[in-house]
C-alpha cells in the first residue's frame, strides 16, 4: 500500500496548524514563551508521533502560578 504525496501533503497541512494551535494554547498556560512552544509543536507535527508526545508532556506540565493584578 502506498500513500500518495498529495494525501501526505493534505494531512500535514491539517496537522501542522492544529498541533501549533494546541501547543500555543498550552504554552500560554504552562510556559513563559508560548510562541516558541507553538513553533516547536508545529515543527514536531511533521512527525505526528513526536508531536503527540510533545503535547502530552505539555498537558502534564504544571501550570504557571496566577499573577494577581
N, C-alpha and C. Protein backbone atom coordinates (compact mmCIF):
# COMPACT_ATOMS: atom_id res chain seq x y z
N UNK A 1 0.84 -1.18 0.00
CA UNK A 1 0.00 0.00 0.00
C UNK A 1 0.88 1.24 0.00
N UNK A 2 0.59 2.14 -0.89
CA UNK A 2 1.39 3.36 -0.96
C UNK A 2 0.51 4.57 -0.64
N UNK A 3 1.16 5.58 -0.09
CA UNK A 3 0.47 6.83 0.22
C UNK A 3 0.94 7.86 -0.79
N UNK A 4 0.01 8.49 -1.47
CA UNK A 4 0.39 9.48 -2.47
C UNK A 4 0.93 10.74 -1.79
N UNK A 5 1.74 11.46 -2.52
CA UNK A 5 2.34 12.68 -1.98
C UNK A 5 1.29 13.74 -1.69
N UNK A 6 0.25 13.79 -2.50
CA UNK A 6 -0.79 14.80 -2.26
C UNK A 6 -1.58 14.49 -0.98
N UNK A 7 -1.84 13.22 -0.71
CA UNK A 7 -2.53 12.86 0.53
C UNK A 7 -1.67 13.19 1.74
N UNK A 8 -0.39 12.90 1.65
CA UNK A 8 0.53 13.22 2.74
C UNK A 8 0.60 14.73 2.95
N UNK A 9 0.62 15.50 1.87
CA UNK A 9 0.63 16.96 1.98
C UNK A 9 -0.62 17.50 2.63
N UNK A 10 -1.77 16.93 2.29
CA UNK A 10 -3.03 17.39 2.87
C UNK A 10 -3.07 17.06 4.36
N UNK A 11 -2.60 15.89 4.72
CA UNK A 11 -2.57 15.51 6.14
C UNK A 11 -1.68 16.46 6.92
N UNK A 12 -0.50 16.77 6.38
CA UNK A 12 0.40 17.69 7.07
C UNK A 12 -0.17 19.10 7.10
N UNK A 13 -0.87 19.49 6.05
CA UNK A 13 -1.48 20.81 6.02
C UNK A 13 -2.54 20.97 7.11
N UNK A 14 -3.14 19.88 7.50
CA UNK A 14 -4.13 19.90 8.58
C UNK A 14 -3.45 19.76 9.94
N UNK A 15 -2.47 18.88 10.06
CA UNK A 15 -1.85 18.60 11.35
C UNK A 15 -0.99 19.75 11.88
N UNK A 16 -0.22 20.39 11.01
CA UNK A 16 0.71 21.44 11.48
C UNK A 16 -0.03 22.58 12.18
N UNK A 17 -1.07 23.19 11.58
CA UNK A 17 -1.76 24.26 12.31
C UNK A 17 -2.48 23.78 13.56
N UNK A 18 -3.02 22.56 13.53
CA UNK A 18 -3.71 22.03 14.72
C UNK A 18 -2.72 21.84 15.87
N UNK A 19 -1.60 21.20 15.61
CA UNK A 19 -0.61 20.97 16.65
C UNK A 19 -0.03 22.29 17.14
N UNK A 20 0.21 23.24 16.23
CA UNK A 20 0.74 24.54 16.64
C UNK A 20 -0.27 25.29 17.50
N UNK A 21 -1.54 25.23 17.14
CA UNK A 21 -2.57 25.91 17.93
C UNK A 21 -2.73 25.33 19.32
N UNK A 22 -2.75 24.02 19.42
CA UNK A 22 -2.86 23.37 20.73
C UNK A 22 -1.61 23.66 21.55
N UNK A 23 -0.45 23.63 20.92
CA UNK A 23 0.80 23.91 21.63
C UNK A 23 0.82 25.35 22.13
N UNK A 24 0.33 26.28 21.32
CA UNK A 24 0.29 27.68 21.76
C UNK A 24 -0.65 27.86 22.95
N UNK A 25 -1.82 27.24 22.88
CA UNK A 25 -2.78 27.34 23.98
C UNK A 25 -2.19 26.79 25.27
N UNK A 26 -1.58 25.61 25.19
CA UNK A 26 -0.97 25.03 26.38
C UNK A 26 0.26 25.81 26.81
N UNK A 27 1.02 26.34 25.84
CA UNK A 27 2.21 27.12 26.15
C UNK A 27 1.88 28.41 26.89
N UNK A 28 0.73 29.02 26.58
CA UNK A 28 0.33 30.23 27.31
C UNK A 28 0.08 29.94 28.78
N UNK A 29 -0.47 28.77 29.07
CA UNK A 29 -0.80 28.42 30.45
C UNK A 29 0.39 27.87 31.22
N UNK A 30 1.35 27.26 30.51
CA UNK A 30 2.35 26.47 31.22
C UNK A 30 3.78 26.94 31.03
N UNK A 31 4.05 27.89 30.13
CA UNK A 31 5.41 28.38 29.92
C UNK A 31 5.39 29.90 29.80
N UNK A 32 6.57 30.48 29.78
CA UNK A 32 6.68 31.92 29.60
C UNK A 32 6.95 32.28 28.15
N UNK A 33 7.15 31.29 27.28
CA UNK A 33 7.42 31.53 25.87
C UNK A 33 6.47 30.73 24.99
N UNK A 34 5.20 31.15 24.89
CA UNK A 34 4.23 30.35 24.13
C UNK A 34 4.49 30.31 22.63
N UNK A 35 5.11 31.35 22.07
CA UNK A 35 5.36 31.35 20.63
C UNK A 35 6.41 30.31 20.27
N UNK A 36 7.44 30.20 21.07
CA UNK A 36 8.48 29.19 20.83
C UNK A 36 7.87 27.79 20.96
N UNK A 37 7.02 27.60 21.95
CA UNK A 37 6.37 26.31 22.14
C UNK A 37 5.47 25.99 20.94
N UNK A 38 4.76 26.98 20.42
CA UNK A 38 3.90 26.77 19.25
C UNK A 38 4.73 26.40 18.02
N UNK A 39 5.87 27.06 17.83
CA UNK A 39 6.74 26.72 16.70
C UNK A 39 7.28 25.30 16.83
N UNK A 40 7.66 24.92 18.04
CA UNK A 40 8.15 23.55 18.25
C UNK A 40 7.03 22.55 17.99
N UNK A 41 5.82 22.83 18.44
CA UNK A 41 4.69 21.95 18.21
C UNK A 41 4.36 21.81 16.73
N UNK A 42 4.42 22.93 16.00
CA UNK A 42 4.18 22.88 14.57
C UNK A 42 5.25 22.10 13.83
N UNK A 43 6.51 22.27 14.23
CA UNK A 43 7.60 21.53 13.60
C UNK A 43 7.49 20.04 13.90
N UNK A 44 7.14 19.70 15.14
CA UNK A 44 7.03 18.29 15.50
C UNK A 44 5.80 17.62 14.89
N UNK A 45 4.88 18.40 14.34
CA UNK A 45 3.73 17.82 13.64
C UNK A 45 4.16 17.13 12.35
N UNK A 46 5.35 17.44 11.86
CA UNK A 46 5.86 16.76 10.67
C UNK A 46 6.08 15.28 10.95
N UNK A 47 6.34 14.95 12.21
CA UNK A 47 6.43 13.55 12.66
C UNK A 47 5.35 13.42 13.74
N UNK A 48 4.14 13.00 13.36
CA UNK A 48 2.99 13.09 14.26
C UNK A 48 3.18 12.42 15.63
N UNK A 49 3.89 11.32 15.70
CA UNK A 49 4.08 10.67 16.99
C UNK A 49 4.85 11.58 17.95
N UNK A 50 5.88 12.25 17.45
CA UNK A 50 6.63 13.18 18.30
C UNK A 50 5.78 14.38 18.70
N UNK A 51 4.91 14.84 17.79
CA UNK A 51 4.02 15.94 18.11
C UNK A 51 3.04 15.58 19.22
N UNK A 52 2.51 14.37 19.16
CA UNK A 52 1.58 13.91 20.20
C UNK A 52 2.29 13.77 21.54
N UNK A 53 3.50 13.25 21.52
CA UNK A 53 4.27 13.13 22.76
C UNK A 53 4.56 14.51 23.34
N UNK A 54 4.91 15.48 22.48
CA UNK A 54 5.18 16.85 22.92
C UNK A 54 3.95 17.46 23.58
N UNK A 55 2.78 17.28 22.99
CA UNK A 55 1.55 17.82 23.55
C UNK A 55 1.22 17.13 24.87
N UNK A 56 1.47 15.82 24.95
CA UNK A 56 1.21 15.11 26.21
C UNK A 56 2.12 15.63 27.32
N UNK A 57 3.37 15.92 27.00
CA UNK A 57 4.29 16.48 28.00
C UNK A 57 3.77 17.84 28.47
N UNK A 58 3.29 18.66 27.54
CA UNK A 58 2.74 19.96 27.92
C UNK A 58 1.50 19.82 28.79
N UNK A 59 0.67 18.84 28.51
CA UNK A 59 -0.54 18.63 29.30
C UNK A 59 -0.20 18.30 30.75
N UNK A 60 0.81 17.48 30.94
CA UNK A 60 1.15 17.04 32.30
C UNK A 60 2.07 18.01 33.03
N UNK A 61 2.55 19.05 32.36
CA UNK A 61 3.41 20.04 33.00
C UNK A 61 2.55 20.92 33.93
N UNK A 62 3.15 21.36 35.02
CA UNK A 62 2.44 22.22 35.98
C UNK A 62 2.12 23.57 35.35
N UNK A 63 0.95 24.11 35.67
CA UNK A 63 0.58 25.45 35.23
C UNK A 63 1.44 26.48 35.93
N UNK A 64 1.64 27.63 35.28
CA UNK A 64 2.34 28.73 35.92
C UNK A 64 1.44 29.29 37.02
N UNK A 65 2.05 29.83 38.08
CA UNK A 65 1.21 30.44 39.12
C UNK A 65 0.49 31.68 38.57
N UNK A 66 -0.73 31.87 39.03
CA UNK A 66 -1.54 33.01 38.60
C UNK A 66 -0.96 34.29 39.19
N UNK A 67 -0.85 35.33 38.36
CA UNK A 67 -0.38 36.63 38.84
C UNK A 67 -1.59 37.47 39.20
N UNK A 68 -1.56 38.03 40.40
CA UNK A 68 -2.67 38.87 40.84
C UNK A 68 -2.40 40.30 40.41
N UNK A 69 -3.41 40.98 39.85
CA UNK A 69 -3.24 42.36 39.40
C UNK A 69 -3.80 43.31 40.40
